[in-house]
PDB file of N, CA and C in Angstrom:
ATOM      1  N   MET A   1      37.264 -47.377   6.778  1.00  0.00           N
ATOM      2  CA  MET A   1      38.595 -47.307   7.323  1.00  0.00           C
ATOM      3  C   MET A   1      39.293 -46.080   6.739  1.00  0.00           C
ATOM      4  N   VAL A   2      39.992 -45.347   7.587  1.00  0.00           N
ATOM      5  CA  VAL A   2      40.759 -44.181   7.166  1.00  0.00           C
ATOM      6  C   VAL A   2      42.213 -44.611   7.039  1.00  0.00           C
ATOM      7  N   THR A   3      42.809 -44.425   5.857  1.00  0.00           N
ATOM      8  CA  THR A   3      44.171 -44.921   5.645  1.00  0.00           C
ATOM      9  C   THR A   3      45.104 -43.918   4.985  1.00  0.00           C
ATOM     10  N   SER A   4      44.616 -42.781   4.577  1.00  0.00           N
ATOM     11  CA  SER A   4      45.471 -41.869   3.823  1.00  0.00           C
ATOM     12  C   SER A   4      46.450 -41.131   4.731  1.00  0.00           C
ATOM     13  N   PRO A   5      47.662 -40.886   4.229  1.00  0.00           N
ATOM     14  CA  PRO A   5      48.595 -40.036   4.962  1.00  0.00           C
ATOM     15  C   PRO A   5      48.121 -38.596   4.856  1.00  0.00           C
ATOM     16  N   GLY A   6      48.685 -37.730   5.637  1.00  0.00           N
ATOM     17  CA  GLY A   6      48.223 -36.350   5.643  1.00  0.00           C
ATOM     18  C   GLY A   6      49.141 -35.397   4.915  1.00  0.00           C
ATOM     19  N   PHE A   7      48.741 -34.137   4.918  1.00  0.00           N
ATOM     20  CA  PHE A   7      49.522 -33.104   4.247  1.00  0.00           C
ATOM     21  C   PHE A   7      50.930 -32.990   4.806  1.00  0.00           C
ATOM     22  N   GLU A   8      51.109 -33.302   6.090  1.00  0.00           N
ATOM     23  CA  GLU A   8      52.449 -33.155   6.659  1.00  0.00           C
ATOM     24  C   GLU A   8      53.475 -34.030   5.935  1.00  0.00           C
ATOM     25  N   ASN A   9      53.025 -35.134   5.358  1.00  0.00           N
ATOM     26  CA  ASN A   9      53.921 -35.988   4.582  1.00  0.00           C
ATOM     27  C   ASN A   9      54.259 -35.376   3.225  1.00  0.00           C
ATOM     28  N   TYR A  10      53.316 -34.663   2.627  1.00  0.00           N
ATOM     29  CA  TYR A  10      53.510 -34.098   1.295  1.00  0.00           C
ATOM     30  C   TYR A  10      54.105 -32.695   1.327  1.00  0.00           C
ATOM     31  N   VAL A  11      53.695 -31.892   2.301  1.00  0.00           N
ATOM     32  CA  VAL A  11      54.135 -30.511   2.375  1.00  0.00           C
ATOM     33  C   VAL A  11      55.407 -30.391   3.212  1.00  0.00           C
ATOM     34  N   GLY A  12      55.554 -31.283   4.190  1.00  0.00           N
ATOM     35  CA  GLY A  12      56.784 -31.322   4.958  1.00  0.00           C
ATOM     36  C   GLY A  12      56.785 -30.553   6.261  1.00  0.00           C
ATOM     37  N   PHE A  13      55.623 -30.234   6.831  1.00  0.00           N
ATOM     38  CA  PHE A  13      55.643 -29.525   8.108  1.00  0.00           C
ATOM     39  C   PHE A  13      55.750 -30.459   9.311  1.00  0.00           C
ATOM     40  N   GLY A  14      55.670 -31.766   9.074  1.00  0.00           N
ATOM     41  CA  GLY A  14      55.852 -32.727  10.167  1.00  0.00           C
ATOM     42  C   GLY A  14      54.926 -32.457  11.334  1.00  0.00           C
ATOM     43  N   SER A  15      55.480 -32.392  12.522  1.00  0.00           N
ATOM     44  CA  SER A  15      54.659 -32.151  13.712  1.00  0.00           C
ATOM     45  C   SER A  15      54.759 -30.712  14.197  1.00  0.00           C
ATOM     46  N   ASP A  16      55.274 -29.807  13.374  1.00  0.00           N
ATOM     47  CA  ASP A  16      55.418 -28.396  13.732  1.00  0.00           C
ATOM     48  C   ASP A  16      54.050 -27.710  13.637  1.00  0.00           C
ATOM     49  N   ALA A  17      53.438 -27.476  14.797  1.00  0.00           N
ATOM     50  CA  ALA A  17      52.083 -26.914  14.836  1.00  0.00           C
ATOM     51  C   ALA A  17      52.017 -25.510  14.236  1.00  0.00           C
ATOM     52  N   GLY A  18      53.080 -24.728  14.378  1.00  0.00           N
ATOM     53  CA  GLY A  18      53.092 -23.379  13.814  1.00  0.00           C
ATOM     54  C   GLY A  18      53.068 -23.387  12.300  1.00  0.00           C
ATOM     55  N   VAL A  19      53.865 -24.245  11.697  1.00  0.00           N
ATOM     56  CA  VAL A  19      53.889 -24.359  10.239  1.00  0.00           C
ATOM     57  C   VAL A  19      52.570 -24.946   9.746  1.00  0.00           C
ATOM     58  N   GLN A  20      52.020 -25.907  10.488  1.00  0.00           N
ATOM     59  CA  GLN A  20      50.717 -26.475  10.126  1.00  0.00           C
ATOM     60  C   GLN A  20      49.660 -25.377  10.106  1.00  0.00           C
ATOM     61  N   ALA A  21      49.628 -24.537  11.133  1.00  0.00           N
ATOM     62  CA  ALA A  21      48.637 -23.459  11.199  1.00  0.00           C
ATOM     63  C   ALA A  21      48.812 -22.488  10.037  1.00  0.00           C
ATOM     64  N   GLN A  22      50.049 -22.165   9.684  1.00  0.00           N
ATOM     65  CA  GLN A  22      50.301 -21.270   8.551  1.00  0.00           C
ATOM     66  C   GLN A  22      49.815 -21.907   7.244  1.00  0.00           C
ATOM     67  N   PHE A  23      50.071 -23.195   7.074  1.00  0.00           N
ATOM     68  CA  PHE A  23      49.618 -23.905   5.882  1.00  0.00           C
ATOM     69  C   PHE A  23      48.090 -23.889   5.795  1.00  0.00           C
ATOM     70  N   GLU A  24      47.418 -24.194   6.906  1.00  0.00           N
ATOM     71  CA  GLU A  24      45.945 -24.212   6.920  1.00  0.00           C
ATOM     72  C   GLU A  24      45.386 -22.833   6.607  1.00  0.00           C
ATOM     73  N   THR A  25      45.983 -21.787   7.171  1.00  0.00           N
ATOM     74  CA  THR A  25      45.528 -20.416   6.895  1.00  0.00           C
ATOM     75  C   THR A  25      45.724 -20.070   5.428  1.00  0.00           C
ATOM     76  N   ALA A  26      46.875 -20.437   4.875  1.00  0.00           N
ATOM     77  CA  ALA A  26      47.141 -20.139   3.463  1.00  0.00           C
ATOM     78  C   ALA A  26      46.139 -20.833   2.558  1.00  0.00           C
ATOM     79  N   VAL A  27      45.871 -22.104   2.808  1.00  0.00           N
ATOM     80  CA  VAL A  27      44.950 -22.855   1.943  1.00  0.00           C
ATOM     81  C   VAL A  27      43.529 -22.320   2.069  1.00  0.00           C
ATOM     82  N   THR A  28      43.053 -22.063   3.301  1.00  0.00           N
ATOM     83  CA  THR A  28      41.680 -21.565   3.456  1.00  0.00           C
ATOM     84  C   THR A  28      41.541 -20.141   2.911  1.00  0.00           C
ATOM     85  N   THR A  29      42.632 -19.400   2.848  1.00  0.00           N
ATOM     86  CA  THR A  29      42.597 -18.065   2.235  1.00  0.00           C
ATOM     87  C   THR A  29      42.533 -18.171   0.713  1.00  0.00           C
ATOM     88  N   LEU A  30      43.264 -19.113   0.151  1.00  0.00           N
ATOM     89  CA  LEU A  30      43.311 -19.273  -1.306  1.00  0.00           C
ATOM     90  C   LEU A  30      42.058 -19.921  -1.887  1.00  0.00           C
ATOM     91  N   VAL A  31      41.404 -20.791  -1.126  1.00  0.00           N
ATOM     92  CA  VAL A  31      40.214 -21.495  -1.611  1.00  0.00           C
ATOM     93  C   VAL A  31      38.989 -20.812  -0.997  1.00  0.00           C
ATOM     94  N   ASP A  32      38.289 -20.034  -1.808  1.00  0.00           N
ATOM     95  CA  ASP A  32      37.206 -19.183  -1.319  1.00  0.00           C
ATOM     96  C   ASP A  32      36.152 -19.918  -0.498  1.00  0.00           C
ATOM     97  N   ASP A  33      35.711 -21.076  -0.930  1.00  0.00           N
ATOM     98  CA  ASP A  33      34.608 -21.759  -0.261  1.00  0.00           C
ATOM     99  C   ASP A  33      35.052 -22.730   0.821  1.00  0.00           C
ATOM    100  N   LEU A  34      36.338 -22.781   1.121  1.00  0.00           N
ATOM    101  CA  LEU A  34      36.834 -23.683   2.156  1.00  0.00           C
ATOM    102  C   LEU A  34      36.784 -22.977   3.501  1.00  0.00           C
ATOM    103  N   ALA A  35      35.912 -23.457   4.400  1.00  0.00           N
ATOM    104  CA  ALA A  35      35.730 -22.817   5.698  1.00  0.00           C
ATOM    105  C   ALA A  35      36.557 -23.448   6.801  1.00  0.00           C
ATOM    106  N   TYR A  36      37.041 -24.668   6.601  1.00  0.00           N
ATOM    107  CA  TYR A  36      37.777 -25.358   7.665  1.00  0.00           C
ATOM    108  C   TYR A  36      38.750 -26.352   7.050  1.00  0.00           C
ATOM    109  N   LEU A  37      39.954 -26.401   7.598  1.00  0.00           N
ATOM    110  CA  LEU A  37      40.959 -27.367   7.165  1.00  0.00           C
ATOM    111  C   LEU A  37      41.752 -27.813   8.379  1.00  0.00           C
ATOM    112  N   ASN A  38      41.850 -29.103   8.570  1.00  0.00           N
ATOM    113  CA  ASN A  38      42.745 -29.688   9.563  1.00  0.00           C
ATOM    114  C   ASN A  38      43.714 -30.541   8.761  1.00  0.00           C
ATOM    115  N   ALA A  39      44.949 -30.073   8.639  1.00  0.00           N
ATOM    116  CA  ALA A  39      45.914 -30.717   7.755  1.00  0.00           C
ATOM    117  C   ALA A  39      46.718 -31.822   8.428  1.00  0.00           C
ATOM    118  N   ALA A  40      46.516 -32.057   9.706  1.00  0.00           N
ATOM    119  CA  ALA A  40      47.359 -33.029  10.407  1.00  0.00           C
ATOM    120  C   ALA A  40      46.618 -34.264  10.898  1.00  0.00           C
ATOM    121  N   ASN A  41      45.317 -34.192  11.053  1.00  0.00           N
ATOM    122  CA  ASN A  41      44.565 -35.328  11.575  1.00  0.00           C
ATOM    123  C   ASN A  41      43.876 -36.089  10.464  1.00  0.00           C
ATOM    124  N   ARG A  42      43.608 -37.363  10.693  1.00  0.00           N
ATOM    125  CA  ARG A  42      42.918 -38.215   9.722  1.00  0.00           C
ATOM    126  C   ARG A  42      41.496 -38.463  10.191  1.00  0.00           C
ATOM    127  N   GLY A  43      40.604 -38.536   9.254  1.00  0.00           N
ATOM    128  CA  GLY A  43      39.226 -38.811   9.619  1.00  0.00           C
ATOM    129  C   GLY A  43      38.286 -38.650   8.447  1.00  0.00           C
ATOM    130  N   TYR A  44      37.078 -38.278   8.791  1.00  0.00           N
ATOM    131  CA  TYR A  44      36.039 -38.162   7.780  1.00  0.00           C
ATOM    132  C   TYR A  44      35.012 -37.154   8.270  1.00  0.00           C
ATOM    133  N   MET A  45      34.139 -36.742   7.369  1.00  0.00           N
ATOM    134  CA  MET A  45      33.103 -35.785   7.713  1.00  0.00           C
ATOM    135  C   MET A  45      31.743 -36.461   7.548  1.00  0.00           C
ATOM    136  N   LEU A  46      30.906 -36.315   8.554  1.00  0.00           N
ATOM    137  CA  LEU A  46      29.521 -36.775   8.488  1.00  0.00           C
ATOM    138  C   LEU A  46      28.642 -35.561   8.254  1.00  0.00           C
ATOM    139  N   VAL A  47      27.741 -35.643   7.287  1.00  0.00           N
ATOM    140  CA  VAL A  47      26.858 -34.525   6.987  1.00  0.00           C
ATOM    141  C   VAL A  47      25.416 -34.980   7.105  1.00  0.00           C
ATOM    142  N   ASP A  48      24.641 -34.253   7.901  1.00  0.00           N
ATOM    143  CA  ASP A  48      23.211 -34.525   8.072  1.00  0.00           C
ATOM    144  C   ASP A  48      22.425 -33.394   7.417  1.00  0.00           C
ATOM    145  N   PHE A  49      21.487 -33.758   6.556  1.00  0.00           N
ATOM    146  CA  PHE A  49      20.633 -32.790   5.882  1.00  0.00           C
ATOM    147  C   PHE A  49      19.209 -32.942   6.407  1.00  0.00           C
ATOM    148  N   THR A  50      18.629 -31.858   6.883  1.00  0.00           N
ATOM    149  CA  THR A  50      17.218 -31.844   7.265  1.00  0.00           C
ATOM    150  C   THR A  50      16.562 -30.664   6.546  1.00  0.00           C
ATOM    151  N   HIS A  51      15.271 -30.469   6.769  1.00  0.00           N
ATOM    152  CA  HIS A  51      14.576 -29.336   6.149  1.00  0.00           C
ATOM    153  C   HIS A  51      14.986 -28.015   6.769  1.00  0.00           C
ATOM    154  N   THR A  52      15.525 -28.047   7.990  1.00  0.00           N
ATOM    155  CA  THR A  52      15.841 -26.803   8.690  1.00  0.00           C
ATOM    156  C   THR A  52      17.324 -26.467   8.769  1.00  0.00           C
ATOM    157  N   LYS A  53      18.204 -27.465   8.594  1.00  0.00           N
ATOM    158  CA  LYS A  53      19.633 -27.161   8.676  1.00  0.00           C
ATOM    159  C   LYS A  53      20.481 -28.282   8.071  1.00  0.00           C
ATOM    160  N   VAL A  54      21.715 -27.927   7.810  1.00  0.00           N
ATOM    161  CA  VAL A  54      22.732 -28.876   7.377  1.00  0.00           C
ATOM    162  C   VAL A  54      23.801 -28.871   8.465  1.00  0.00           C
ATOM    163  N   THR A  55      24.141 -30.049   8.976  1.00  0.00           N
ATOM    164  CA  THR A  55      25.135 -30.156  10.034  1.00  0.00           C
ATOM    165  C   THR A  55      26.298 -31.020   9.560  1.00  0.00           C
ATOM    166  N   SER A  56      27.518 -30.484   9.701  1.00  0.00           N
ATOM    167  CA  SER A  56      28.733 -31.221   9.340  1.00  0.00           C
ATOM    168  C   SER A  56      29.527 -31.514  10.603  1.00  0.00           C
ATOM    169  N   ARG A  57      29.910 -32.777  10.761  1.00  0.00           N
ATOM    170  CA  ARG A  57      30.722 -33.191  11.908  1.00  0.00           C
ATOM    171  C   ARG A  57      32.034 -33.766  11.384  1.00  0.00           C
ATOM    172  N   TRP A  58      33.156 -33.220  11.852  1.00  0.00           N
ATOM    173  CA  TRP A  58      34.467 -33.732  11.492  1.00  0.00           C
ATOM    174  C   TRP A  58      34.892 -34.726  12.561  1.00  0.00           C
ATOM    175  N   VAL A  59      35.040 -35.971  12.144  1.00  0.00           N
ATOM    176  CA  VAL A  59      35.391 -37.063  13.054  1.00  0.00           C
ATOM    177  C   VAL A  59      36.827 -37.479  12.740  1.00  0.00           C
ATOM    178  N   PHE A  60      37.670 -37.467  13.761  1.00  0.00           N
ATOM    179  CA  PHE A  60      39.067 -37.849  13.577  1.00  0.00           C
ATOM    180  C   PHE A  60      39.359 -39.137  14.318  1.00  0.00           C
ATOM    181  N   VAL A  61      40.257 -39.933  13.745  1.00  0.00           N
ATOM    182  CA  VAL A  61      40.683 -41.190  14.371  1.00  0.00           C
ATOM    183  C   VAL A  61      42.107 -41.012  14.888  1.00  0.00           C
ATOM    184  N   ASP A  62      42.436 -41.773  15.928  1.00  0.00           N
ATOM    185  CA  ASP A  62      43.751 -41.609  16.543  1.00  0.00           C
ATOM    186  C   ASP A  62      44.854 -42.402  15.853  1.00  0.00           C
ATOM    187  N   THR A  63      44.498 -43.287  14.927  1.00  0.00           N
ATOM    188  CA  THR A  63      45.512 -44.041  14.188  1.00  0.00           C
ATOM    189  C   THR A  63      44.961 -44.468  12.832  1.00  0.00           C
ATOM    190  N   ILE A  64      45.863 -44.564  11.858  1.00  0.00           N
ATOM    191  CA  ILE A  64      45.468 -45.100  10.548  1.00  0.00           C
ATOM    192  C   ILE A  64      46.189 -46.413  10.280  1.00  0.00           C
ATOM    193  N   THR A  65      46.925 -46.899  11.270  1.00  0.00           N
ATOM    194  CA  THR A  65      47.725 -48.110  11.068  1.00  0.00           C
ATOM    195  C   THR A  65      47.139 -49.333  11.753  1.00  0.00           C
ATOM    196  N   SER A  66      45.959 -49.211  12.339  1.00  0.00           N
ATOM    197  CA  SER A  66      45.353 -50.332  13.048  1.00  0.00           C
ATOM    198  C   SER A  66      43.838 -50.314  12.849  1.00  0.00           C
ATOM    199  N   THR A  67      43.229 -51.473  12.917  1.00  0.00           N
ATOM    200  CA  THR A  67      41.767 -51.533  12.856  1.00  0.00           C
ATOM    201  C   THR A  67      41.153 -51.204  14.222  1.00  0.00           C
ATOM    202  N   GLU A  68      41.976 -51.148  15.239  1.00  0.00           N
ATOM    203  CA  GLU A  68      41.551 -50.715  16.578  1.00  0.00           C
ATOM    204  C   GLU A  68      41.858 -49.226  16.683  1.00  0.00           C
ATOM    205  N   TYR A  69      40.843 -48.397  16.856  1.00  0.00           N
ATOM    206  CA  TYR A  69      41.070 -46.958  16.908  1.00  0.00           C
ATOM    207  C   TYR A  69      40.004 -46.300  17.771  1.00  0.00           C
ATOM    208  N   THR A  70      40.280 -45.062  18.139  1.00  0.00           N
ATOM    209  CA  THR A  70      39.315 -44.240  18.852  1.00  0.00           C
ATOM    210  C   THR A  70      38.954 -43.074  17.943  1.00  0.00           C
ATOM    211  N   ALA A  71      37.664 -42.826  17.793  1.00  0.00           N
ATOM    212  CA  ALA A  71      37.192 -41.711  16.973  1.00  0.00           C
ATOM    213  C   ALA A  71      36.631 -40.627  17.882  1.00  0.00           C
ATOM    214  N   SER A  72      36.844 -39.372  17.496  1.00  0.00           N
ATOM    215  CA  SER A  72      36.298 -38.261  18.271  1.00  0.00           C
ATOM    216  C   SER A  72      35.854 -37.156  17.326  1.00  0.00           C
ATOM    217  N   VAL A  73      34.792 -36.473  17.714  1.00  0.00           N
ATOM    218  CA  VAL A  73      34.286 -35.349  16.924  1.00  0.00           C
ATOM    219  C   VAL A  73      35.087 -34.111  17.320  1.00  0.00           C
ATOM    220  N   ALA A  74      35.733 -33.503  16.339  1.00  0.00           N
ATOM    221  CA  ALA A  74      36.602 -32.360  16.611  1.00  0.00           C
ATOM    222  C   ALA A  74      35.936 -31.026  16.300  1.00  0.00           C
ATOM    223  N   LYS A  75      34.996 -31.033  15.375  1.00  0.00           N
ATOM    224  CA  LYS A  75      34.362 -29.776  14.979  1.00  0.00           C
ATOM    225  C   LYS A  75      32.977 -30.074  14.440  1.00  0.00           C
ATOM    226  N   VAL A  76      32.044 -29.164  14.741  1.00  0.00           N
ATOM    227  CA  VAL A  76      30.679 -29.260  14.210  1.00  0.00           C
ATOM    228  C   VAL A  76      30.312 -27.887  13.664  1.00  0.00           C
ATOM    229  N   MET A  77      29.821 -27.874  12.419  1.00  0.00           N
ATOM    230  CA  MET A  77      29.391 -26.624  11.798  1.00  0.00           C
ATOM    231  C   MET A  77      28.001 -26.827  11.211  1.00  0.00           C
ATOM    232  N   GLU A  78      27.225 -25.723  11.155  1.00  0.00           N
ATOM    233  CA  GLU A  78      25.858 -25.789  10.632  1.00  0.00           C
ATOM    234  C   GLU A  78      25.610 -24.663   9.646  1.00  0.00           C
ATOM    235  N   SER A  79      24.633 -24.911   8.788  1.00  0.00           N
ATOM    236  CA  SER A  79      24.163 -23.907   7.849  1.00  0.00           C
ATOM    237  C   SER A  79      22.686 -24.157   7.597  1.00  0.00           C
ATOM    238  N   ALA A  80      21.956 -23.093   7.302  1.00  0.00           N
ATOM    239  CA  ALA A  80      20.565 -23.255   6.888  1.00  0.00           C
ATOM    240  C   ALA A  80      20.566 -23.747   5.450  1.00  0.00           C
ATOM    241  N   PRO A  81      19.602 -24.575   5.063  1.00  0.00           N
ATOM    242  CA  PRO A  81      19.563 -25.061   3.684  1.00  0.00           C
ATOM    243  C   PRO A  81      19.118 -23.964   2.720  1.00  0.00           C
ATOM    244  N   GLY A  82      19.385 -24.181   1.454  1.00  0.00           N
ATOM    245  CA  GLY A  82      18.943 -23.246   0.425  1.00  0.00           C
ATOM    246  C   GLY A  82      20.094 -22.471  -0.174  1.00  0.00           C
ATOM    247  N   SER A  83      19.889 -22.010  -1.394  1.00  0.00           N
ATOM    248  CA  SER A  83      20.966 -21.367  -2.143  1.00  0.00           C
ATOM    249  C   SER A  83      21.417 -20.043  -1.536  1.00  0.00           C
ATOM    250  N   GLY A  84      20.595 -19.396  -0.760  1.00  0.00           N
ATOM    251  CA  GLY A  84      20.973 -18.116  -0.154  1.00  0.00           C
ATOM    252  C   GLY A  84      21.649 -18.251   1.191  1.00  0.00           C
ATOM    253  N   ASN A  85      21.872 -19.464   1.652  1.00  0.00           N
ATOM    254  CA  ASN A  85      22.420 -19.690   2.993  1.00  0.00           C
ATOM    255  C   ASN A  85      23.723 -20.470   2.921  1.00  0.00           C
ATOM    256  N   ARG A  86      24.748 -19.866   2.409  1.00  0.00           N
ATOM    257  CA  ARG A  86      26.013 -20.573   2.224  1.00  0.00           C
ATOM    258  C   ARG A  86      27.023 -20.296   3.331  1.00  0.00           C
ATOM    259  N   THR A  87      26.583 -19.750   4.463  1.00  0.00           N
ATOM    260  CA  THR A  87      27.497 -19.437   5.551  1.00  0.00           C
ATOM    261  C   THR A  87      27.428 -20.502   6.617  1.00  0.00           C
ATOM    262  N   LEU A  88      28.572 -21.094   6.938  1.00  0.00           N
ATOM    263  CA  LEU A  88      28.650 -22.076   8.012  1.00  0.00           C
ATOM    264  C   LEU A  88      28.927 -21.368   9.319  1.00  0.00           C
ATOM    265  N   SER A  89      28.282 -21.800  10.374  1.00  0.00           N
ATOM    266  CA  SER A  89      28.595 -21.299  11.699  1.00  0.00           C
ATOM    267  C   SER A  89      29.108 -22.452  12.550  1.00  0.00           C
ATOM    268  N   THR A  90      30.122 -22.177  13.350  1.00  0.00           N
ATOM    269  CA  THR A  90      30.721 -23.185  14.196  1.00  0.00           C
ATOM    270  C   THR A  90      29.841 -23.427  15.414  1.00  0.00           C
ATOM    271  N   VAL A  91      29.511 -24.686  15.657  1.00  0.00           N
ATOM    272  CA  VAL A  91      28.722 -25.093  16.816  1.00  0.00           C
ATOM    273  C   VAL A  91      29.664 -25.615  17.898  1.00  0.00           C
ATOM    274  N   VAL A  92      30.628 -26.440  17.500  1.00  0.00           N
ATOM    275  CA  VAL A  92      31.641 -26.998  18.402  1.00  0.00           C
ATOM    276  C   VAL A  92      32.981 -26.895  17.695  1.00  0.00           C
ATOM    277  N   SER A  93      33.995 -26.415  18.416  1.00  0.00           N
ATOM    278  CA  SER A  93      35.334 -26.391  17.794  1.00  0.00           C
ATOM    279  C   SER A  93      36.368 -26.935  18.756  1.00  0.00           C
TER     280      SER A  93
END
């Protein structure tokens, strides 16, 4: 179950998409290894590891106040495994 409030409650951008985008850009710029941030939606990340690739799927839910919810995949990124392959490429955005 996903129950945490989001950054909009702590940072104060509310539903202002422009301020949200500025916040996400600032954070991903400041944190070197952070390739993606969605500061307004709630969800979780599923990661699949195989011998040939690592796939991350960001799954968001439409509500955190009910046990009845709809989940959707919002972004998929992949990387080749191994210490020399630290670049994620977007598959679905």
